[in-house]
Amino acid sequence: MKYKDLFMRLYYLDETSPTGLRKAWNNQPAGIKQKTKSANGYMWVIPDWFRFDDGTRKQVKYDLAACVYEMATGRELKKNETIYYLDVNKDNLNPVNMFVGIKDPRKLKQHKQVAFDNFRNVILPKTNPDYFKDPKDWTDPEALAMLEEEKRKRATGESKPPVPNVGRPRKWI
């Protein structure tokens, strides 16, 4: 992890936090859910501004799962490795639920499909009280309205599931 000493001063590991990390300055859960480039994809990230000793500032964005895993185990991920989840739930950021493996497009696709099937790709505003909860446990009217909107989009075909095929198609002979 780049700038690890600064990161360790600003965040600490906490099992009671829904994201696994807390901010040191206000004890709030760290991290936000952010959309990715792929359709209906998301990931948990920590965006932050770091101020250095010479007065310069730099915006840094960390993968929350990788930070939690590295802080819990002390092991840094290599370039070809990624984090997988035992219960196939990307929102369960407990280090006991995580394991590291070589990047496998089929496993990543399976994680994405399960998240899509359980409506975990619906991203609520950070101020919503159901932000850190699973969609089946949502009770807030705003959250339920967003869930109904996503169901409507899927019924009409506006929101499509991840593509089932992985890799390059075979050349026609």
N, C-alpha and C. Protein backbone atom coordinates (compact mmCIF):
# COMPACT_ATOMS: atom_id res chain seq x y z
N MET A 1 0.85 -1.17 0.00
CA MET A 1 0.00 0.00 0.00
C MET A 1 0.90 1.24 0.00
N LYS A 2 0.63 2.15 -0.90
CA LYS A 2 1.41 3.38 -0.98
C LYS A 2 0.98 4.32 0.14
N TYR A 3 1.91 5.04 0.71
CA TYR A 3 1.67 5.98 1.82
C TYR A 3 1.05 5.26 3.03
N LYS A 4 1.59 4.10 3.36
CA LYS A 4 1.02 3.29 4.43
C LYS A 4 1.10 3.98 5.79
N ASP A 5 2.19 4.71 6.05
CA ASP A 5 2.31 5.37 7.35
C ASP A 5 1.23 6.44 7.54
N LEU A 6 0.93 7.21 6.49
CA LEU A 6 -0.15 8.20 6.58
C LEU A 6 -1.50 7.51 6.75
N PHE A 7 -1.70 6.44 6.01
CA PHE A 7 -2.97 5.72 6.07
C PHE A 7 -3.22 5.16 7.47
N MET A 8 -2.18 4.61 8.09
CA MET A 8 -2.32 4.02 9.42
C MET A 8 -2.62 5.07 10.49
N ARG A 9 -2.19 6.32 10.25
CA ARG A 9 -2.52 7.38 11.21
C ARG A 9 -3.97 7.83 11.08
N LEU A 10 -4.54 7.70 9.88
CA LEU A 10 -5.89 8.22 9.63
C LEU A 10 -6.99 7.18 9.82
N TYR A 11 -6.68 5.89 9.68
CA TYR A 11 -7.69 4.84 9.76
C TYR A 11 -7.21 3.72 10.68
N TYR A 12 -8.16 3.03 11.32
CA TYR A 12 -7.79 1.90 12.16
C TYR A 12 -8.78 0.76 11.95
N LEU A 13 -8.32 -0.46 12.18
CA LEU A 13 -9.11 -1.67 12.00
C LEU A 13 -10.10 -1.82 13.15
N ASP A 14 -11.37 -2.13 12.83
CA ASP A 14 -12.40 -2.27 13.85
C ASP A 14 -13.42 -3.30 13.38
N GLU A 15 -13.63 -4.36 14.17
CA GLU A 15 -14.57 -5.42 13.79
C GLU A 15 -16.02 -4.96 13.86
N THR A 16 -16.32 -3.94 14.67
CA THR A 16 -17.71 -3.48 14.80
C THR A 16 -18.14 -2.57 13.66
N SER A 17 -17.19 -2.08 12.88
CA SER A 17 -17.53 -1.21 11.75
C SER A 17 -18.09 -2.05 10.61
N PRO A 18 -19.12 -1.56 9.90
CA PRO A 18 -19.67 -2.34 8.78
C PRO A 18 -18.68 -2.50 7.62
N THR A 19 -17.70 -1.60 7.52
CA THR A 19 -16.71 -1.72 6.46
C THR A 19 -15.39 -2.30 6.93
N GLY A 20 -15.24 -2.52 8.23
CA GLY A 20 -14.00 -3.09 8.75
C GLY A 20 -12.99 -2.05 9.19
N LEU A 21 -13.11 -0.81 8.72
CA LEU A 21 -12.19 0.27 9.10
C LEU A 21 -12.99 1.46 9.63
N ARG A 22 -12.36 2.22 10.49
CA ARG A 22 -12.97 3.46 10.99
C ARG A 22 -11.98 4.61 10.81
N LYS A 23 -12.54 5.82 10.66
CA LYS A 23 -11.73 7.03 10.58
C LYS A 23 -11.26 7.39 11.99
N ALA A 24 -10.00 7.74 12.13
CA ALA A 24 -9.45 8.04 13.45
C ALA A 24 -9.96 9.37 13.99
N TRP A 25 -10.32 10.31 13.14
CA TRP A 25 -10.70 11.63 13.62
C TRP A 25 -12.16 11.74 14.06
N ASN A 26 -13.07 10.86 13.61
CA ASN A 26 -14.46 10.96 14.08
C ASN A 26 -15.13 9.60 14.33
N ASN A 27 -14.38 8.53 14.27
CA ASN A 27 -14.88 7.17 14.56
C ASN A 27 -16.05 6.73 13.67
N GLN A 28 -16.21 7.31 12.50
CA GLN A 28 -17.23 6.90 11.55
C GLN A 28 -16.68 5.76 10.68
N PRO A 29 -17.56 4.89 10.13
CA PRO A 29 -17.07 3.85 9.22
C PRO A 29 -16.41 4.48 7.99
N ALA A 30 -15.30 3.92 7.58
CA ALA A 30 -14.55 4.45 6.44
C ALA A 30 -15.00 3.75 5.17
N GLY A 31 -14.99 4.47 4.06
CA GLY A 31 -15.27 3.87 2.77
C GLY A 31 -16.62 4.22 2.20
N ILE A 32 -16.65 4.21 0.87
CA ILE A 32 -17.90 4.44 0.14
C ILE A 32 -18.03 3.39 -0.95
N LYS A 33 -19.25 3.16 -1.38
CA LYS A 33 -19.52 2.25 -2.48
C LYS A 33 -19.47 3.08 -3.76
N GLN A 34 -18.70 2.63 -4.75
CA GLN A 34 -18.53 3.40 -5.97
C GLN A 34 -18.76 2.51 -7.18
N LYS A 35 -19.42 3.06 -8.21
CA LYS A 35 -19.62 2.32 -9.45
C LYS A 35 -18.29 2.15 -10.17
N THR A 36 -18.17 1.04 -10.91
CA THR A 36 -16.99 0.80 -11.73
C THR A 36 -17.37 0.97 -13.20
N LYS A 37 -16.37 0.85 -14.06
CA LYS A 37 -16.62 1.02 -15.50
C LYS A 37 -17.54 -0.07 -16.05
N SER A 38 -17.42 -1.27 -15.50
CA SER A 38 -18.24 -2.36 -16.03
C SER A 38 -19.70 -2.15 -15.66
N ALA A 39 -20.59 -2.66 -16.46
CA ALA A 39 -22.02 -2.47 -16.25
C ALA A 39 -22.45 -3.10 -14.94
N ASN A 40 -23.17 -2.34 -14.12
CA ASN A 40 -23.70 -2.78 -12.83
C ASN A 40 -22.61 -3.27 -11.87
N GLY A 41 -21.39 -2.83 -12.05
CA GLY A 41 -20.31 -3.20 -11.14
C GLY A 41 -20.11 -2.14 -10.08
N TYR A 42 -19.59 -2.55 -8.93
CA TYR A 42 -19.28 -1.61 -7.87
C TYR A 42 -18.14 -2.15 -7.04
N MET A 43 -17.53 -1.28 -6.25
CA MET A 43 -16.52 -1.71 -5.30
C MET A 43 -16.48 -0.71 -4.15
N TRP A 44 -15.97 -1.15 -3.02
CA TRP A 44 -15.81 -0.29 -1.86
C TRP A 44 -14.44 0.37 -1.95
N VAL A 45 -14.40 1.70 -1.82
CA VAL A 45 -13.14 2.44 -1.91
C VAL A 45 -13.02 3.42 -0.74
N ILE A 46 -11.80 3.88 -0.51
CA ILE A 46 -11.54 4.95 0.46
C ILE A 46 -10.87 6.08 -0.32
N PRO A 47 -11.60 7.15 -0.65
CA PRO A 47 -10.96 8.31 -1.26
C PRO A 47 -10.48 9.26 -0.17
N ASP A 48 -9.29 9.82 -0.32
CA ASP A 48 -8.77 10.72 0.70
C ASP A 48 -7.74 11.66 0.09
N TRP A 49 -7.52 12.77 0.77
CA TRP A 49 -6.47 13.72 0.43
C TRP A 49 -5.38 13.58 1.48
N PHE A 50 -4.15 13.34 1.05
CA PHE A 50 -3.03 13.25 1.98
C PHE A 50 -2.21 14.53 1.88
N ARG A 51 -1.89 15.10 3.03
CA ARG A 51 -1.04 16.29 3.09
C ARG A 51 0.34 15.83 3.56
N PHE A 52 1.35 16.19 2.78
CA PHE A 52 2.71 15.77 3.08
C PHE A 52 3.46 16.85 3.85
N ASP A 53 4.65 16.51 4.34
CA ASP A 53 5.43 17.43 5.17
C ASP A 53 5.84 18.69 4.41
N ASP A 54 6.02 18.59 3.11
CA ASP A 54 6.42 19.78 2.34
C ASP A 54 5.23 20.68 1.98
N GLY A 55 4.01 20.32 2.42
CA GLY A 55 2.83 21.16 2.20
C GLY A 55 2.00 20.76 0.99
N THR A 56 2.49 19.83 0.19
CA THR A 56 1.72 19.41 -0.99
C THR A 56 0.61 18.46 -0.58
N ARG A 57 -0.42 18.44 -1.42
CA ARG A 57 -1.55 17.53 -1.18
C ARG A 57 -1.72 16.63 -2.39
N LYS A 58 -2.19 15.41 -2.14
CA LYS A 58 -2.42 14.47 -3.23
C LYS A 58 -3.66 13.66 -2.92
N GLN A 59 -4.53 13.49 -3.92
CA GLN A 59 -5.71 12.66 -3.73
C GLN A 59 -5.35 11.21 -4.02
N VAL A 60 -5.73 10.33 -3.09
CA VAL A 60 -5.42 8.91 -3.20
C VAL A 60 -6.72 8.14 -3.02
N LYS A 61 -6.89 7.08 -3.81
CA LYS A 61 -8.07 6.23 -3.69
C LYS A 61 -7.61 4.79 -3.49
N TYR A 62 -8.06 4.18 -2.38
CA TYR A 62 -7.67 2.82 -2.04
C TYR A 62 -8.85 1.87 -2.20
N ASP A 63 -8.54 0.62 -2.55
CA ASP A 63 -9.53 -0.45 -2.53
C ASP A 63 -9.71 -0.86 -1.07
N LEU A 64 -10.94 -0.72 -0.57
CA LEU A 64 -11.20 -0.95 0.85
C LEU A 64 -10.92 -2.40 1.26
N ALA A 65 -11.32 -3.35 0.44
CA ALA A 65 -11.11 -4.76 0.78
C ALA A 65 -9.62 -5.08 0.89
N ALA A 66 -8.82 -4.54 -0.02
CA ALA A 66 -7.37 -4.78 0.03
C ALA A 66 -6.76 -4.15 1.27
N CYS A 67 -7.24 -2.97 1.66
CA CYS A 67 -6.73 -2.31 2.87
C CYS A 67 -7.07 -3.11 4.12
N VAL A 68 -8.31 -3.57 4.22
CA VAL A 68 -8.72 -4.36 5.39
C VAL A 68 -7.90 -5.65 5.47
N TYR A 69 -7.73 -6.32 4.33
CA TYR A 69 -6.97 -7.57 4.31
C TYR A 69 -5.51 -7.33 4.70
N GLU A 70 -4.92 -6.27 4.16
CA GLU A 70 -3.51 -5.99 4.46
C GLU A 70 -3.32 -5.60 5.92
N MET A 71 -4.25 -4.81 6.48
CA MET A 71 -4.11 -4.42 7.88
C MET A 71 -4.35 -5.60 8.82
N ALA A 72 -5.22 -6.52 8.44
CA ALA A 72 -5.52 -7.68 9.29
C ALA A 72 -4.42 -8.73 9.24
N THR A 73 -3.87 -8.97 8.05
CA THR A 73 -2.90 -10.06 7.90
C THR A 73 -1.46 -9.57 7.77
N GLY A 74 -1.25 -8.33 7.37
CA GLY A 74 0.09 -7.82 7.14
C GLY A 74 0.65 -8.20 5.79
N ARG A 75 -0.13 -8.85 4.96
CA ARG A 75 0.32 -9.31 3.64
C ARG A 75 -0.21 -8.38 2.55
N GLU A 76 0.68 -7.88 1.71
CA GLU A 76 0.28 -6.99 0.63
C GLU A 76 -0.01 -7.82 -0.62
N LEU A 77 -1.06 -7.44 -1.35
CA LEU A 77 -1.44 -8.17 -2.56
C LEU A 77 -0.43 -7.93 -3.68
N LYS A 78 -0.16 -8.98 -4.46
CA LYS A 78 0.69 -8.84 -5.63
C LYS A 78 -0.16 -8.37 -6.81
N LYS A 79 0.49 -8.09 -7.91
CA LYS A 79 -0.20 -7.51 -9.07
C LYS A 79 -1.24 -8.45 -9.66
N ASN A 80 -0.97 -9.75 -9.68
CA ASN A 80 -1.89 -10.70 -10.32
C ASN A 80 -2.87 -11.33 -9.32
N GLU A 81 -2.93 -10.82 -8.10
CA GLU A 81 -3.82 -11.39 -7.08
C GLU A 81 -5.02 -10.49 -6.84
N THR A 82 -6.08 -11.09 -6.36
CA THR A 82 -7.28 -10.34 -5.98
C THR A 82 -7.91 -11.02 -4.77
N ILE A 83 -8.88 -10.33 -4.19
CA ILE A 83 -9.55 -10.86 -3.00
C ILE A 83 -10.86 -11.51 -3.42
N TYR A 84 -11.10 -12.71 -2.91
CA TYR A 84 -12.36 -13.41 -3.10
C TYR A 84 -13.04 -13.55 -1.74
N TYR A 85 -14.32 -13.84 -1.76
CA TYR A 85 -15.11 -13.89 -0.53
C TYR A 85 -15.72 -15.27 -0.38
N LEU A 86 -15.64 -15.84 0.83
CA LEU A 86 -16.16 -17.18 1.07
C LEU A 86 -17.66 -17.27 0.84
N ASP A 87 -18.41 -16.25 1.27
CA ASP A 87 -19.86 -16.28 1.08
C ASP A 87 -20.29 -15.55 -0.20
N VAL A 88 -19.35 -15.22 -1.08
CA VAL A 88 -19.59 -14.55 -2.37
C VAL A 88 -20.37 -13.24 -2.16
N ASN A 89 -20.11 -12.55 -1.06
CA ASN A 89 -20.76 -11.27 -0.77
C ASN A 89 -19.67 -10.21 -0.65
N LYS A 90 -19.56 -9.33 -1.66
CA LYS A 90 -18.54 -8.29 -1.65
C LYS A 90 -18.77 -7.25 -0.57
N ASP A 91 -19.96 -7.22 0.02
CA ASP A 91 -20.25 -6.25 1.08
C ASP A 91 -19.82 -6.75 2.45
N ASN A 92 -19.52 -8.03 2.58
CA ASN A 92 -19.07 -8.60 3.86
C ASN A 92 -17.55 -8.45 3.93
N LEU A 93 -17.09 -7.35 4.51
CA LEU A 93 -15.67 -7.03 4.51
C LEU A 93 -14.95 -7.52 5.77
N ASN A 94 -15.43 -8.60 6.35
CA ASN A 94 -14.77 -9.21 7.50
C ASN A 94 -13.54 -9.97 6.99
N PRO A 95 -12.36 -9.76 7.59
CA PRO A 95 -11.15 -10.46 7.11
C PRO A 95 -11.28 -11.98 7.14
N VAL A 96 -12.11 -12.53 8.01
CA VAL A 96 -12.32 -13.98 8.07
C VAL A 96 -13.01 -14.47 6.80
N ASN A 97 -13.81 -13.61 6.16
CA ASN A 97 -14.56 -13.95 4.96
C ASN A 97 -13.71 -13.84 3.69
N MET A 98 -12.52 -13.25 3.78
CA MET A 98 -11.70 -12.99 2.59
C MET A 98 -10.59 -14.01 2.43
N PHE A 99 -10.28 -14.31 1.17
CA PHE A 99 -9.07 -15.07 0.87
C PHE A 99 -8.50 -14.55 -0.44
N VAL A 100 -7.21 -14.73 -0.62
CA VAL A 100 -6.51 -14.19 -1.78
C VAL A 100 -6.26 -15.30 -2.77
N GLY A 101 -6.46 -14.99 -4.04
CA GLY A 101 -6.18 -15.94 -5.10
C GLY A 101 -5.75 -15.21 -6.36
N ILE A 102 -5.25 -15.96 -7.31
CA ILE A 102 -4.87 -15.38 -8.59
C ILE A 102 -6.14 -14.95 -9.31
N LYS A 103 -6.07 -13.82 -10.01
CA LYS A 103 -7.26 -13.28 -10.68
C LYS A 103 -7.82 -14.31 -11.65
N ASP A 104 -9.08 -14.62 -11.47
CA ASP A 104 -9.78 -15.58 -12.31
C ASP A 104 -11.04 -14.92 -12.84
N PRO A 105 -11.15 -14.70 -14.14
CA PRO A 105 -12.32 -14.00 -14.68
C PRO A 105 -13.64 -14.70 -14.36
N ARG A 106 -13.62 -16.03 -14.27
CA ARG A 106 -14.87 -16.75 -13.98
C ARG A 106 -15.35 -16.51 -12.55
N LYS A 107 -14.41 -16.52 -11.59
CA LYS A 107 -14.79 -16.24 -10.20
C LYS A 107 -15.26 -14.79 -10.05
N LEU A 108 -14.56 -13.87 -10.70
CA LEU A 108 -14.97 -12.46 -10.62
C LEU A 108 -16.35 -12.27 -11.22
N LYS A 109 -16.63 -12.97 -12.31
CA LYS A 109 -17.95 -12.90 -12.94
C LYS A 109 -19.01 -13.48 -12.01
N GLN A 110 -18.69 -14.55 -11.30
CA GLN A 110 -19.63 -15.15 -10.36
C GLN A 110 -19.95 -14.17 -9.23
N HIS A 111 -18.94 -13.49 -8.69
CA HIS A 111 -19.17 -12.48 -7.65
C HIS A 111 -20.07 -11.37 -8.17
N LYS A 112 -19.82 -10.93 -9.40
CA LYS A 112 -20.61 -9.84 -9.98
C LYS A 112 -22.05 -10.28 -10.20
N GLN A 113 -22.25 -11.52 -10.63
CA GLN A 113 -23.60 -12.03 -10.89
C GLN A 113 -24.39 -12.15 -9.59
N VAL A 114 -23.76 -12.65 -8.52
CA VAL A 114 -24.44 -12.77 -7.23
C VAL A 114 -24.81 -11.40 -6.70
N ALA A 115 -23.92 -10.42 -6.84
CA ALA A 115 -24.22 -9.06 -6.39
C ALA A 115 -25.39 -8.49 -7.18
N PHE A 116 -25.45 -8.76 -8.47
CA PHE A 116 -26.56 -8.27 -9.30
C PHE A 116 -27.87 -8.94 -8.90
N ASP A 117 -27.84 -10.25 -8.67
CA ASP A 117 -29.06 -10.98 -8.32
C ASP A 117 -29.64 -10.53 -6.98
N ASN A 118 -28.78 -10.10 -6.05
CA ASN A 118 -29.23 -9.67 -4.73
C ASN A 118 -29.40 -8.16 -4.62
N PHE A 119 -29.37 -7.46 -5.75
CA PHE A 119 -29.57 -6.00 -5.82
C PHE A 119 -28.54 -5.23 -5.00
N ARG A 120 -27.32 -5.78 -4.85
CA ARG A 120 -26.29 -5.07 -4.10
C ARG A 120 -25.65 -3.96 -4.92
N ASN A 121 -25.90 -3.94 -6.24
CA ASN A 121 -25.33 -2.91 -7.08
C ASN A 121 -26.10 -1.60 -7.00
N VAL A 122 -27.22 -1.55 -6.26
CA VAL A 122 -27.97 -0.31 -6.06
C VAL A 122 -27.21 0.50 -5.02
N ILE A 123 -26.74 1.68 -5.41
CA ILE A 123 -25.92 2.49 -4.52
C ILE A 123 -26.76 3.63 -3.96
N LEU A 124 -26.91 3.64 -2.65
CA LEU A 124 -27.68 4.66 -1.94
C LEU A 124 -26.80 5.87 -1.63
N PRO A 125 -27.43 7.03 -1.35
CA PRO A 125 -26.63 8.16 -0.86
C PRO A 125 -26.00 7.83 0.49
N LYS A 126 -24.82 8.38 0.75
CA LYS A 126 -24.08 8.07 1.98
C LYS A 126 -24.87 8.46 3.24
N THR A 127 -25.77 9.46 3.13
CA THR A 127 -26.53 9.92 4.30
C THR A 127 -27.69 9.00 4.65
N ASN A 128 -28.01 8.04 3.80
CA ASN A 128 -29.13 7.14 4.04
C ASN A 128 -28.81 6.21 5.21
N PRO A 129 -29.76 5.99 6.14
CA PRO A 129 -29.47 5.10 7.28
C PRO A 129 -29.27 3.64 6.88
N ASP A 130 -29.74 3.23 5.70
CA ASP A 130 -29.58 1.85 5.24
C ASP A 130 -28.34 1.66 4.37
N TYR A 131 -27.43 2.64 4.34
CA TYR A 131 -26.29 2.61 3.43
C TYR A 131 -25.43 1.36 3.61
N PHE A 132 -25.17 0.95 4.83
CA PHE A 132 -24.29 -0.18 5.08
C PHE A 132 -25.04 -1.50 5.22
N LYS A 133 -26.35 -1.51 5.04
CA LYS A 133 -27.14 -2.73 5.20
C LYS A 133 -27.31 -3.46 3.87
N ASP A 134 -27.67 -4.73 3.95
CA ASP A 134 -27.97 -5.53 2.78
C ASP A 134 -29.33 -5.09 2.22
N PRO A 135 -29.54 -5.11 0.90
CA PRO A 135 -30.82 -4.65 0.34
C PRO A 135 -32.05 -5.35 0.89
N LYS A 136 -31.93 -6.61 1.30
CA LYS A 136 -33.11 -7.30 1.85
C LYS A 136 -33.50 -6.76 3.22
N ASP A 137 -32.59 -6.01 3.89
CA ASP A 137 -32.86 -5.44 5.21
C ASP A 137 -33.23 -3.96 5.17
N TRP A 138 -33.38 -3.39 3.98
CA TRP A 138 -33.67 -1.96 3.88
C TRP A 138 -35.08 -1.65 4.38
N THR A 139 -35.21 -0.56 5.14
CA THR A 139 -36.50 -0.12 5.65
C THR A 139 -36.79 1.34 5.32
N ASP A 140 -35.78 2.10 4.93
CA ASP A 140 -35.95 3.52 4.64
C ASP A 140 -36.77 3.69 3.35
N PRO A 141 -37.75 4.62 3.31
CA PRO A 141 -38.58 4.80 2.11
C PRO A 141 -37.77 5.20 0.87
N GLU A 142 -36.74 6.02 1.05
CA GLU A 142 -35.90 6.43 -0.09
C GLU A 142 -35.16 5.22 -0.66
N ALA A 143 -34.63 4.37 0.21
CA ALA A 143 -33.92 3.18 -0.22
C ALA A 143 -34.86 2.20 -0.93
N LEU A 144 -36.05 2.03 -0.38
CA LEU A 144 -37.02 1.13 -1.01
C LEU A 144 -37.47 1.67 -2.37
N ALA A 145 -37.57 3.00 -2.50
CA ALA A 145 -37.93 3.59 -3.80
C ALA A 145 -36.84 3.33 -4.83
N MET A 146 -35.57 3.44 -4.42
CA MET A 146 -34.47 3.16 -5.35
C MET A 146 -34.44 1.68 -5.73
N LEU A 147 -34.78 0.81 -4.79
CA LEU A 147 -34.83 -0.62 -5.07
C LEU A 147 -35.95 -0.93 -6.06
N GLU A 148 -37.10 -0.32 -5.88
CA GLU A 148 -38.22 -0.51 -6.81
C GLU A 148 -37.87 0.03 -8.20
N GLU A 149 -37.15 1.15 -8.25
CA GLU A 149 -36.72 1.72 -9.53
C GLU A 149 -35.79 0.74 -10.26
N GLU A 150 -34.87 0.11 -9.52
CA GLU A 150 -33.97 -0.87 -10.12
C GLU A 150 -34.74 -2.09 -10.62
N LYS A 151 -35.73 -2.54 -9.87
CA LYS A 151 -36.56 -3.67 -10.31
C LYS A 151 -37.32 -3.31 -11.58
N ARG A 152 -37.82 -2.07 -11.66
CA ARG A 152 -38.53 -1.61 -12.85
C ARG A 152 -37.58 -1.58 -14.05
N LYS A 153 -36.36 -1.08 -13.85
CA LYS A 153 -35.37 -1.03 -14.93
C LYS A 153 -35.04 -2.43 -15.44
N ARG A 154 -34.93 -3.38 -14.54
CA ARG A 154 -34.63 -4.76 -14.95
C ARG A 154 -35.79 -5.37 -15.71
N ALA A 155 -37.01 -5.05 -15.29
CA ALA A 155 -38.19 -5.60 -15.96
C ALA A 155 -38.31 -5.05 -17.38
N THR A 156 -37.95 -3.78 -17.58
CA THR A 156 -38.05 -3.17 -18.92
C THR A 156 -36.82 -3.43 -19.77
N GLY A 157 -35.73 -3.91 -19.17
CA GLY A 157 -34.52 -4.21 -19.93
C GLY A 157 -33.50 -3.09 -19.95
N GLU A 158 -33.72 -2.01 -19.19
CA GLU A 158 -32.76 -0.91 -19.14
C GLU A 158 -31.50 -1.32 -18.37
N SER A 159 -31.66 -2.09 -17.31
CA SER A 159 -30.54 -2.56 -16.51
C SER A 159 -30.37 -4.05 -16.80
N LYS A 160 -29.21 -4.40 -17.35
CA LYS A 160 -29.00 -5.79 -17.77
C LYS A 160 -27.99 -6.47 -16.86
N PRO A 161 -28.11 -7.79 -16.70
CA PRO A 161 -27.15 -8.52 -15.86
C PRO A 161 -25.78 -8.57 -16.53
N PRO A 162 -24.75 -8.94 -15.76
CA PRO A 162 -23.42 -9.08 -16.35
C PRO A 162 -23.46 -10.12 -17.48
N VAL A 163 -22.63 -9.91 -18.47
CA VAL A 163 -22.59 -10.80 -19.63
C VAL A 163 -22.14 -12.19 -19.19
N PRO A 164 -22.85 -13.26 -19.59
CA PRO A 164 -22.51 -14.60 -19.11
C PRO A 164 -21.21 -15.16 -19.66
N ASN A 165 -20.82 -14.75 -20.87
CA ASN A 165 -19.60 -15.34 -21.43
C ASN A 165 -18.38 -14.58 -20.95
N VAL A 166 -17.27 -15.31 -20.81
CA VAL A 166 -16.03 -14.73 -20.32
C VAL A 166 -14.95 -15.00 -21.35
N GLY A 167 -14.10 -14.02 -21.60
CA GLY A 167 -12.98 -14.20 -22.50
C GLY A 167 -13.35 -13.89 -23.94
N ARG A 168 -12.42 -14.23 -24.82
CA ARG A 168 -12.60 -13.97 -26.24
C ARG A 168 -13.42 -15.06 -26.90
N PRO A 169 -14.28 -14.68 -27.86
CA PRO A 169 -14.98 -15.73 -28.60
C PRO A 169 -13.99 -16.47 -29.51
N ARG A 170 -14.29 -17.74 -29.79
CA ARG A 170 -13.43 -18.52 -30.68
C ARG A 170 -13.56 -18.00 -32.10
N LYS A 171 -12.47 -18.13 -32.84
CA LYS A 171 -12.51 -17.71 -34.24
C LYS A 171 -13.30 -18.72 -35.04
N TRP A 172 -14.11 -18.20 -35.95
CA TRP A 172 -14.88 -19.08 -36.80
C TRP A 172 -13.98 -19.65 -37.87
N ILE A 173 -14.06 -20.95 -38.09
CA ILE A 173 -13.19 -21.59 -39.09
C ILE A 173 -14.00 -21.91 -40.31
